Amino acid sequence: MSLCTRRIITGELSAPAVTRHFPVTKLTAVRSPDYLSSISRHQKPKSITTRFYVIEEAEFRHRVSFSRGDGEWRRRCAVGDQVVEINERRKSSSDRTVEVAVAATATVVLGVGNRVLYKLALVPLKNYPFFLAQLATFGYVLVYFSILYLRYHAGKVTNEMLSLPKIPFVAVGLLEALAAASGMAAGAILSGATIPILSQSFLVWQLLLSFIFLGRRYSLNQLFGCFLVAVGVIVTVASGSSAGSLMEAGVFWSLLMIVSFLFQAADTVLKEVIFLDAAQRLKRGTVDLFVVNSYGSAFQAVFICLLLPFLSKLWGVPFTQLPNYLRDGAACFLNIGTLSGGCDGAPLLPLLFIIVNMGFNISLLHLLKISSAVVSCLASTVSVPISVFLFTLPLPYLGVASSLPPGFIAGAIILVLGMLVYTWRPSSSSLKNQEVDCHCT
């Protein structure tokens, strides 16, 4: 049993909420001893009084915000025809912060592994990079739908999730295919150090698209923190490359690479929109991650097939010779036959890359679901300088390690400072958003 003060607050109970209904508990009104002692026997009570009710509590899962896709435990009960809410926002907010921090850390670790293992996977498949790209694209469809099938029979995926509109998933597949096509075209011309620098436009696109389509508003410290993160990565990468590499590649190819990151940012924001829409359509919560991954990857594979003549030409493989190329690539991947010479490290290294890349995509989507597109972008961005540092170590199959760029330390310091600035919250705003620990509405 608990004691709550009843306060009438208009305009709060009309907001829709996803709740479970509990029977209304009959309440017993009692007089507060403090209140009774404050009124003398011959004194008339004031017109404004306070009533206390002895009530029973009922705990249930209440989804507080569709924009985050996460749930918070709140205690509620009934006072007449109104709802009593005992706020536990502080505890739930701290729990969500820990969850986002753990997910972001996992995304950074897997992002670093994804970048390093991609370089290692291309050691045995150095002559068949297009085969590795297509193996990952079509292999993910098989793996994701297999996991989706198992989760469906385990009750994790419902028929309501599978019946969601497929048009957004078609758009996801189209954006990912266009990002791959434009990225491949520009990547074939640009230098290796130029691409991570241009990739920082991804963060700018995320902020802009989230502002336009999601109505997000960012504080000055968040915008400045994102700016410092991008500057830190640029300083880290650019310090080890020639200053004129961007100009030598040509403006067109640099702009095309920036457009490819626009497609990627739009894809990420669209996935967040899918989570928001699913939270409103589904009464039991948000859509399962593997529903989004499976259908998105399937439609991406469809559009990749349509773009296959164009993509094969980008990799220097004539479309008429594509079947022979894929056959030779499969022989090298399996490390069998007479064509397997120089394929040392296969199939272990390519398989490790595919597994880690799949884990990275899942963790990135999970982080997107519980936070936002910008937070997932920042976590992915942080992996860039860490990967640069790891390439200075004597990794197997890579030969002589590269030297650490002269501006690495300065860039890393700027990046960390940017992350701290982005995550900093003024105390005044936090106090303004706090609610009373126990109140009845």
Protein backbone atom coordinates (compact mmCIF):
# COMPACT_ATOMS: atom_id res chain seq x y z
CA MET A 1 0.00 0.00 0.00
CA SER A 2 1.17 3.55 -0.63
CA LEU A 3 0.00 7.09 0.05
CA CYS A 4 -0.23 9.58 -2.81
CA THR A 5 -1.39 13.17 -3.03
CA ARG A 6 -4.10 13.85 -5.59
CA ARG A 7 -3.48 16.77 -7.92
CA ILE A 8 -5.73 17.70 -10.80
CA ILE A 9 -3.68 18.39 -13.93
CA THR A 10 -5.67 18.99 -17.09
CA GLY A 11 -4.64 18.06 -20.57
CA GLU A 12 -2.27 15.23 -19.61
CA LEU A 13 -4.47 12.15 -19.73
CA SER A 14 -5.62 12.54 -23.30
CA ALA A 15 -2.25 11.57 -24.78
CA PRO A 16 -2.25 8.06 -26.26
CA ALA A 17 -0.20 5.42 -24.50
CA VAL A 18 0.45 1.76 -24.98
CA THR A 19 -0.67 0.19 -21.71
CA ARG A 20 -2.19 -2.88 -20.24
CA HIS A 21 -5.50 -2.38 -18.47
CA PHE A 22 -5.90 -3.28 -14.83
CA PRO A 23 -9.15 -3.32 -12.85
CA VAL A 24 -9.79 -0.13 -10.94
CA THR A 25 -9.17 -0.53 -7.23
CA LYS A 26 -11.79 0.83 -4.85
CA LEU A 27 -10.28 3.69 -2.89
CA THR A 28 -10.79 4.76 0.65
CA ALA A 29 -10.49 8.45 1.44
CA VAL A 30 -8.82 9.28 4.73
CA ARG A 31 -8.03 12.55 6.46
CA SER A 32 -4.45 13.60 6.75
CA PRO A 33 -3.43 13.96 10.44
CA ASP A 34 -1.33 17.00 9.57
CA TYR A 35 -4.23 18.56 7.78
CA LEU A 36 -6.67 17.90 10.62
CA SER A 37 -4.33 19.31 13.22
CA SER A 38 -3.93 22.52 11.26
CA ILE A 39 -7.64 23.29 11.49
CA SER A 40 -9.10 24.28 14.82
CA ARG A 41 -12.48 23.07 15.95
CA HIS A 42 -14.21 26.40 15.33
CA GLN A 43 -12.26 27.35 12.19
CA LYS A 44 -13.83 26.81 8.80
CA PRO A 45 -11.76 24.85 6.32
CA LYS A 46 -10.24 26.71 3.44
CA SER A 47 -11.72 26.30 -0.02
CA ILE A 48 -8.60 24.54 -1.32
CA THR A 49 -8.01 21.25 0.42
CA THR A 50 -5.78 18.26 -0.04
CA ARG A 51 -7.10 14.72 -0.03
CA PHE A 52 -5.12 11.60 0.63
CA TYR A 53 -6.07 8.22 -0.72
CA VAL A 54 -4.98 4.79 0.34
CA ILE A 55 -4.47 2.96 -2.92
CA GLU A 56 -3.07 -0.23 -4.27
CA GLU A 57 -0.23 -0.13 -6.78
CA ALA A 58 -0.12 -1.92 -10.10
CA GLU A 59 3.10 -2.26 -12.06
CA PHE A 60 3.12 -2.71 -15.79
CA ARG A 61 5.23 -2.03 -18.83
CA HIS A 62 4.54 1.38 -20.35
CA ARG A 63 6.30 2.54 -23.47
CA VAL A 64 7.17 6.11 -22.72
CA SER A 65 8.52 7.34 -26.04
CA PHE A 66 7.97 5.96 -29.52
CA SER A 67 10.88 8.06 -30.73
CA ARG A 68 13.33 5.90 -28.83
CA GLY A 69 11.72 2.50 -29.10
CA ASP A 70 12.64 1.64 -25.54
CA GLY A 71 10.45 0.91 -22.55
CA GLU A 72 10.52 2.18 -19.01
CA TRP A 73 8.92 0.71 -15.90
CA ARG A 74 6.37 3.01 -14.32
CA ARG A 75 4.07 2.39 -11.40
CA ARG A 76 0.47 3.42 -11.88
CA CYS A 77 -2.78 3.02 -10.03
CA ALA A 78 -6.33 4.34 -10.18
CA VAL A 79 -7.82 7.30 -8.31
CA GLY A 80 -11.48 7.48 -9.20
CA ASP A 81 -11.61 7.80 -12.96
CA GLN A 82 -8.07 9.16 -13.18
CA VAL A 83 -4.61 7.63 -13.28
CA VAL A 84 -2.02 7.81 -10.55
CA GLU A 85 1.57 7.75 -11.75
CA ILE A 86 4.52 7.22 -9.44
CA ASN A 87 7.39 8.44 -11.53
CA GLU A 88 10.54 6.35 -11.81
CA ARG A 89 12.07 8.37 -14.63
CA ARG A 90 15.44 8.78 -12.96
CA LYS A 91 16.05 5.09 -12.57
CA SER A 92 14.70 4.23 -16.02
CA SER A 93 16.69 7.03 -17.66
CA SER A 94 19.91 5.79 -16.09
CA ASP A 95 19.12 2.25 -17.21
CA ARG A 96 18.56 3.43 -20.75
CA THR A 97 21.79 5.42 -20.67
CA VAL A 98 23.70 2.31 -19.64
CA GLU A 99 21.99 0.30 -22.39
CA VAL A 100 22.90 2.88 -25.04
CA ALA A 101 26.49 3.07 -23.74
CA VAL A 102 26.91 -0.72 -23.89
CA ALA A 103 25.37 -0.87 -27.38
CA ALA A 104 27.58 2.01 -28.58
CA THR A 105 30.71 0.31 -27.21
CA ALA A 106 29.79 -2.94 -28.94
CA THR A 107 29.21 -1.04 -32.18
CA VAL A 108 32.62 0.64 -31.95
CA VAL A 109 34.39 -2.67 -31.26
CA LEU A 110 32.61 -4.46 -34.10
CA GLY A 111 33.16 -1.46 -36.37
CA VAL A 112 36.91 -1.65 -35.77
CA GLY A 113 36.88 -5.38 -36.38
CA ASN A 114 34.86 -4.86 -39.55
CA ARG A 115 37.40 -2.41 -41.01
CA VAL A 116 40.45 -4.47 -40.06
CA LEU A 117 39.00 -7.81 -41.21
CA TYR A 118 37.89 -6.32 -44.52
CA LYS A 119 41.51 -5.46 -45.23
CA LEU A 120 42.59 -8.95 -44.16
CA ALA A 121 39.86 -10.64 -46.20
CA LEU A 122 41.11 -8.91 -49.35
CA VAL A 123 44.56 -10.48 -48.90
CA PRO A 124 43.49 -13.91 -50.27
CA LEU A 125 40.77 -12.37 -52.47
CA LYS A 126 42.85 -9.47 -53.78
CA ASN A 127 41.94 -10.42 -57.35
CA TYR A 128 38.26 -11.02 -56.51
CA PRO A 129 36.96 -8.07 -54.45
CA PHE A 130 33.73 -7.97 -56.45
CA PHE A 131 33.12 -11.62 -55.56
CA LEU A 132 33.53 -10.81 -51.85
CA ALA A 133 31.06 -7.93 -52.12
CA GLN A 134 28.42 -10.08 -53.82
CA LEU A 135 29.02 -12.98 -51.46
CA ALA A 136 28.31 -10.70 -48.52
CA THR A 137 25.23 -9.15 -50.15
CA PHE A 138 23.49 -12.39 -51.12
CA GLY A 139 24.82 -14.38 -48.18
CA TYR A 140 23.21 -11.95 -45.75
CA VAL A 141 19.81 -12.53 -47.32
CA LEU A 142 20.07 -16.26 -46.63
CA VAL A 143 21.39 -15.82 -43.09
CA TYR A 144 18.97 -13.07 -42.08
CA PHE A 145 15.89 -14.92 -43.32
CA SER A 146 17.07 -18.11 -41.59
CA ILE A 147 17.34 -16.21 -38.30
CA LEU A 148 13.98 -14.55 -38.98
CA TYR A 149 12.41 -17.98 -39.53
CA LEU A 150 13.77 -19.27 -36.22
CA ARG A 151 12.68 -16.16 -34.33
CA TYR A 152 9.20 -16.41 -35.86
CA HIS A 153 8.75 -19.96 -34.61
CA ALA A 154 10.19 -18.93 -31.24
CA GLY A 155 7.51 -16.25 -30.91
CA LYS A 156 9.92 -13.32 -31.12
CA VAL A 157 8.49 -12.23 -34.48
CA THR A 158 4.74 -11.90 -34.86
CA ASN A 159 2.43 -11.92 -37.86
CA GLU A 160 1.75 -8.23 -37.23
CA MET A 161 5.46 -7.49 -37.71
CA LEU A 162 5.57 -9.43 -40.96
CA SER A 163 2.46 -7.68 -42.26
CA LEU A 164 3.97 -4.20 -42.01
CA PRO A 165 3.95 -2.19 -45.28
CA LYS A 166 6.80 -3.27 -47.55
CA ILE A 167 7.22 0.00 -49.45
CA PRO A 168 9.65 1.42 -46.84
CA PHE A 169 11.75 -1.75 -47.09
CA VAL A 170 11.83 -1.38 -50.87
CA ALA A 171 13.12 2.17 -50.38
CA VAL A 172 15.76 0.86 -47.94
CA GLY A 173 16.96 -1.67 -50.51
CA LEU A 174 17.07 0.96 -53.26
CA LEU A 175 19.05 3.42 -51.12
CA GLU A 176 21.55 0.75 -50.08
CA ALA A 177 22.01 -0.38 -53.69
CA LEU A 178 22.51 3.20 -54.90
CA ALA A 179 24.97 3.83 -52.08
CA ALA A 180 26.93 0.73 -53.06
CA ALA A 181 26.95 1.64 -56.76
CA SER A 182 28.03 5.26 -56.28
CA GLY A 183 30.51 4.32 -53.56
CA MET A 184 32.12 1.68 -55.77
CA ALA A 185 32.36 4.07 -58.70
CA ALA A 186 34.03 6.81 -56.65
CA GLY A 187 36.12 4.38 -54.58
CA ALA A 188 37.73 3.00 -57.71
CA ILE A 189 39.21 6.46 -58.43
CA LEU A 190 39.77 8.02 -55.00
CA SER A 191 42.74 7.17 -52.80
CA GLY A 192 42.34 5.07 -49.67
CA ALA A 193 43.03 8.01 -47.34
CA THR A 194 40.50 10.24 -49.12
CA ILE A 195 37.47 8.03 -48.50
CA PRO A 196 37.52 8.23 -44.65
CA ILE A 197 37.83 12.01 -44.91
CA LEU A 198 34.86 12.31 -47.24
CA SER A 199 32.92 9.84 -45.09
CA GLN A 200 32.59 12.55 -42.44
CA SER A 201 29.91 14.11 -44.65
CA PHE A 202 27.78 11.17 -43.47
CA LEU A 203 27.45 12.83 -40.05
CA VAL A 204 26.40 16.13 -41.65
CA TRP A 205 23.76 14.36 -43.73
CA GLN A 206 22.50 12.58 -40.60
CA LEU A 207 22.00 15.82 -38.73
CA LEU A 208 20.31 17.52 -41.69
CA LEU A 209 17.96 14.63 -42.57
CA SER A 210 17.05 14.03 -38.93
CA PHE A 211 16.20 17.72 -38.63
CA ILE A 212 14.02 17.67 -41.77
CA PHE A 213 12.24 14.31 -41.57
CA LEU A 214 12.28 13.49 -37.85
CA GLY A 215 11.88 16.99 -36.49
CA ARG A 216 14.94 16.62 -34.28
CA ARG A 217 16.36 19.73 -32.70
CA TYR A 218 19.97 19.72 -31.59
CA SER A 219 21.55 21.93 -28.98
CA LEU A 220 24.66 23.97 -29.70
CA ASN A 221 26.88 21.63 -27.73
CA GLN A 222 25.61 18.64 -29.76
CA LEU A 223 26.27 20.39 -33.07
CA PHE A 224 29.68 21.56 -31.90
CA GLY A 225 30.49 18.07 -30.60
CA CYS A 226 29.62 16.50 -33.97
CA PHE A 227 31.79 19.08 -35.68
CA LEU A 228 34.75 18.25 -33.42
CA VAL A 229 34.30 14.51 -34.03
CA ALA A 230 34.42 15.05 -37.80
CA VAL A 231 37.46 17.34 -37.49
CA GLY A 232 39.24 14.78 -35.29
CA VAL A 233 38.75 12.00 -37.84
CA ILE A 234 39.86 14.25 -40.71
CA VAL A 235 43.02 15.30 -38.83
CA THR A 236 43.78 11.67 -37.94
CA VAL A 237 43.46 10.38 -41.51
CA ALA A 238 44.65 13.39 -43.50
CA SER A 239 47.88 13.71 -41.52
CA GLY A 240 49.16 10.53 -43.10
CA SER A 241 48.24 11.35 -46.69
CA SER A 242 49.26 13.92 -49.23
CA ALA A 243 47.50 17.24 -48.96
CA GLY A 244 46.57 17.33 -52.60
CA SER A 245 45.01 13.89 -52.82
CA LEU A 246 41.48 15.31 -52.90
CA MET A 247 42.28 17.68 -55.76
CA GLU A 248 44.21 15.03 -57.68
CA ALA A 249 41.19 12.70 -57.68
CA GLY A 250 38.93 15.32 -59.21
CA VAL A 251 35.91 17.20 -57.90
CA PHE A 252 33.36 14.95 -59.63
CA TRP A 253 34.50 11.74 -57.93
CA SER A 254 34.71 13.45 -54.56
CA LEU A 255 31.16 14.76 -54.97
CA LEU A 256 29.98 11.32 -56.06
CA MET A 257 31.44 9.79 -52.90
CA ILE A 258 29.67 12.45 -50.83
CA VAL A 259 26.40 11.58 -52.61
CA SER A 260 26.94 7.92 -51.74
CA PHE A 261 27.11 8.89 -48.07
CA LEU A 262 23.92 10.90 -48.57
CA PHE A 263 22.22 7.65 -49.68
CA GLN A 264 23.61 5.86 -46.61
CA ALA A 265 22.41 8.59 -44.26
CA ALA A 266 18.96 8.57 -45.86
CA ASP A 267 18.88 4.80 -45.44
CA THR A 268 19.66 5.10 -41.73
CA VAL A 269 17.06 7.82 -41.14
CA LEU A 270 14.47 5.79 -43.08
CA LYS A 271 15.12 2.80 -40.82
CA GLU A 272 14.51 5.01 -37.80
CA VAL A 273 11.24 6.13 -39.39
CA ILE A 274 10.32 2.46 -39.84
CA PHE A 275 10.88 1.84 -36.12
CA LEU A 276 8.76 4.88 -35.22
CA ASP A 277 5.94 3.85 -37.53
CA ALA A 278 6.04 0.24 -36.30
CA ALA A 279 5.82 1.42 -32.69
CA GLN A 280 2.54 3.12 -33.53
CA ARG A 281 1.15 0.24 -35.57
CA LEU A 282 2.12 -2.60 -33.23
CA LYS A 283 0.38 -2.73 -29.89
CA ARG A 284 3.02 -4.97 -28.33
CA GLY A 285 6.10 -2.92 -29.08
CA THR A 286 8.50 -2.20 -31.91
CA VAL A 287 9.38 -4.33 -34.88
CA ASP A 288 12.07 -6.99 -34.54
CA LEU A 289 15.51 -6.09 -35.87
CA PHE A 290 15.66 -9.07 -38.19
CA VAL A 291 12.44 -8.07 -39.92
CA VAL A 292 14.09 -4.82 -40.97
CA ASN A 293 17.41 -6.50 -41.80
CA SER A 294 15.85 -9.37 -43.76
CA TYR A 295 13.50 -7.39 -45.98
CA GLY A 296 15.98 -4.56 -46.43
CA SER A 297 18.72 -6.98 -47.51
CA ALA A 298 16.33 -8.86 -49.81
CA PHE A 299 15.30 -5.74 -51.72
CA GLN A 300 18.91 -4.57 -51.79
CA ALA A 301 19.86 -7.87 -53.47
CA VAL A 302 17.09 -7.34 -56.03
CA PHE A 303 18.37 -3.88 -56.97
CA ILE A 304 21.97 -5.13 -56.97
CA CYS A 305 20.94 -7.72 -59.56
CA LEU A 306 19.45 -4.96 -61.70
CA LEU A 307 22.65 -2.93 -61.37
CA LEU A 308 24.94 -5.92 -61.86
CA PRO A 309 26.08 -5.00 -65.41
CA PHE A 310 27.02 -1.52 -64.20
CA LEU A 311 28.69 -2.74 -60.98
CA SER A 312 30.73 -5.43 -62.71
CA LYS A 313 32.08 -2.86 -65.14
CA LEU A 314 33.15 -0.66 -62.21
CA TRP A 315 35.26 -3.53 -60.87
CA GLY A 316 36.82 -4.10 -64.28
CA VAL A 317 34.93 -7.32 -64.98
CA PRO A 318 33.10 -7.45 -68.33
CA PHE A 319 29.54 -8.61 -67.85
CA THR A 320 29.99 -11.44 -70.37
CA GLN A 321 32.90 -12.79 -68.30
CA LEU A 322 31.09 -12.46 -64.99
CA PRO A 323 30.17 -16.19 -64.66
CA ASN A 324 33.82 -17.23 -65.09
CA TYR A 325 34.92 -14.53 -62.67
CA LEU A 326 32.47 -15.69 -59.98
CA ARG A 327 33.52 -19.33 -60.50
CA ASP A 328 37.21 -18.46 -60.08
CA GLY A 329 36.39 -16.29 -57.07
CA ALA A 330 34.51 -19.19 -55.45
CA ALA A 331 37.49 -21.49 -56.04
CA CYS A 332 39.81 -18.98 -54.39
CA PHE A 333 37.37 -18.41 -51.52
CA LEU A 334 37.19 -22.14 -50.83
CA ASN A 335 40.95 -22.44 -51.44
CA ILE A 336 40.54 -25.49 -53.66
CA GLY A 337 41.56 -26.39 -57.20
CA THR A 338 44.35 -25.15 -59.42
CA LEU A 339 43.15 -21.54 -59.19
CA SER A 340 43.71 -21.31 -55.45
CA GLY A 341 47.33 -20.19 -55.74
CA GLY A 342 47.92 -17.02 -53.72
CA CYS A 343 44.70 -17.52 -51.76
CA ASP A 344 46.38 -18.23 -48.43
CA GLY A 345 44.12 -17.28 -45.55
CA ALA A 346 40.90 -18.29 -47.31
CA PRO A 347 38.24 -19.19 -46.37
CA LEU A 348 38.98 -18.26 -42.74
CA LEU A 349 39.66 -14.54 -43.22
CA PRO A 350 36.72 -13.85 -45.58
CA LEU A 351 34.37 -15.81 -43.30
CA LEU A 352 35.56 -13.87 -40.25
CA PHE A 353 34.94 -10.63 -42.10
CA ILE A 354 31.42 -11.68 -43.11
CA ILE A 355 30.54 -12.77 -39.56
CA VAL A 356 31.91 -9.60 -37.96
CA ASN A 357 30.34 -7.41 -40.64
CA MET A 358 26.98 -9.04 -39.97
CA GLY A 359 27.40 -8.48 -36.23
CA PHE A 360 28.35 -4.86 -36.89
CA ASN A 361 25.23 -4.28 -38.99
CA ILE A 362 23.02 -5.85 -36.32
CA SER A 363 24.61 -3.87 -33.49
CA LEU A 364 24.37 -0.66 -35.52
CA LEU A 365 20.68 -1.25 -36.16
CA HIS A 366 20.10 -2.10 -32.49
CA LEU A 367 21.83 1.13 -31.44
CA LEU A 368 19.71 3.02 -33.95
CA LYS A 369 16.57 1.45 -32.46
CA ILE A 370 17.32 2.42 -28.85
CA SER A 371 18.92 5.82 -29.53
CA SER A 372 18.99 7.76 -32.79
CA ALA A 373 20.61 7.87 -36.21
CA VAL A 374 23.14 10.48 -35.07
CA VAL A 375 24.31 8.41 -32.08
CA SER A 376 24.78 5.31 -34.27
CA CYS A 377 26.70 7.45 -36.75
CA LEU A 378 29.01 8.77 -34.03
CA ALA A 379 29.72 5.25 -32.80
CA SER A 380 30.63 4.17 -36.31
CA THR A 381 32.80 7.25 -36.80
CA VAL A 382 34.83 6.59 -33.66
CA SER A 383 36.00 3.28 -35.13
CA VAL A 384 37.95 5.05 -37.89
CA PRO A 385 40.93 6.38 -35.87
CA ILE A 386 41.07 3.18 -33.79
CA SER A 387 41.36 1.19 -37.02
CA VAL A 388 44.12 3.52 -38.22
CA PHE A 389 46.03 2.79 -35.02
CA LEU A 390 45.58 -0.99 -35.36
CA PHE A 391 47.03 -0.93 -38.87
CA THR A 392 50.26 0.32 -37.34
CA LEU A 393 50.58 -3.00 -35.48
CA PRO A 394 52.20 -6.12 -37.07
CA LEU A 395 48.96 -7.79 -38.16
CA PRO A 396 49.19 -11.21 -39.91
CA TYR A 397 49.08 -11.37 -43.73
CA LEU A 398 49.60 -7.59 -44.05
CA GLY A 399 53.39 -7.59 -44.03
CA VAL A 400 55.21 -4.55 -42.70
CA ALA A 401 53.09 -2.37 -40.45
CA SER A 402 52.52 1.24 -41.44
CA SER A 403 53.77 4.11 -39.29
CA LEU A 404 51.48 6.14 -37.10
CA PRO A 405 50.37 9.38 -38.80
CA PRO A 406 52.02 12.44 -37.20
CA GLY A 407 48.67 14.07 -36.38
CA PHE A 408 47.08 10.94 -34.93
CA ILE A 409 47.32 11.98 -31.28
CA ALA A 410 45.99 15.46 -31.98
CA GLY A 411 43.12 14.07 -34.05
CA ALA A 412 42.26 11.50 -31.38
CA ILE A 413 42.19 14.19 -28.69
CA ILE A 414 39.88 16.37 -30.79
CA LEU A 415 37.60 13.38 -31.46
CA VAL A 416 37.32 12.43 -27.78
CA LEU A 417 36.70 16.06 -26.87
CA GLY A 418 33.92 16.18 -29.46
CA MET A 419 32.27 13.08 -27.97
CA LEU A 420 32.41 14.61 -24.49
CA VAL A 421 30.92 17.88 -25.73
CA TYR A 422 28.14 16.02 -27.56
CA THR A 423 27.15 13.94 -24.53
CA TRP A 424 27.36 16.84 -22.05
CA ARG A 425 24.02 17.94 -20.67
CA PRO A 426 23.56 21.24 -18.81
CA SER A 427 22.31 20.77 -15.28
CA SER A 428 19.62 23.40 -15.71
CA SER A 429 17.96 21.52 -18.57
CA SER A 430 18.05 18.26 -16.67
CA LEU A 431 16.40 19.85 -13.65
CA LYS A 432 13.78 21.43 -15.85
CA ASN A 433 12.81 18.06 -17.32
CA GLN A 434 12.60 16.25 -14.00
CA GLU A 435 9.18 15.34 -12.67
CA VAL A 436 7.94 14.99 -9.14
CA ASP A 437 8.83 11.59 -7.69
CA CYS A 438 5.27 10.78 -6.73
CA HIS A 439 2.21 12.51 -8.06
CA CYS A 440 -1.30 11.69 -9.12
CA THR A 441 -2.81 13.00 -12.33
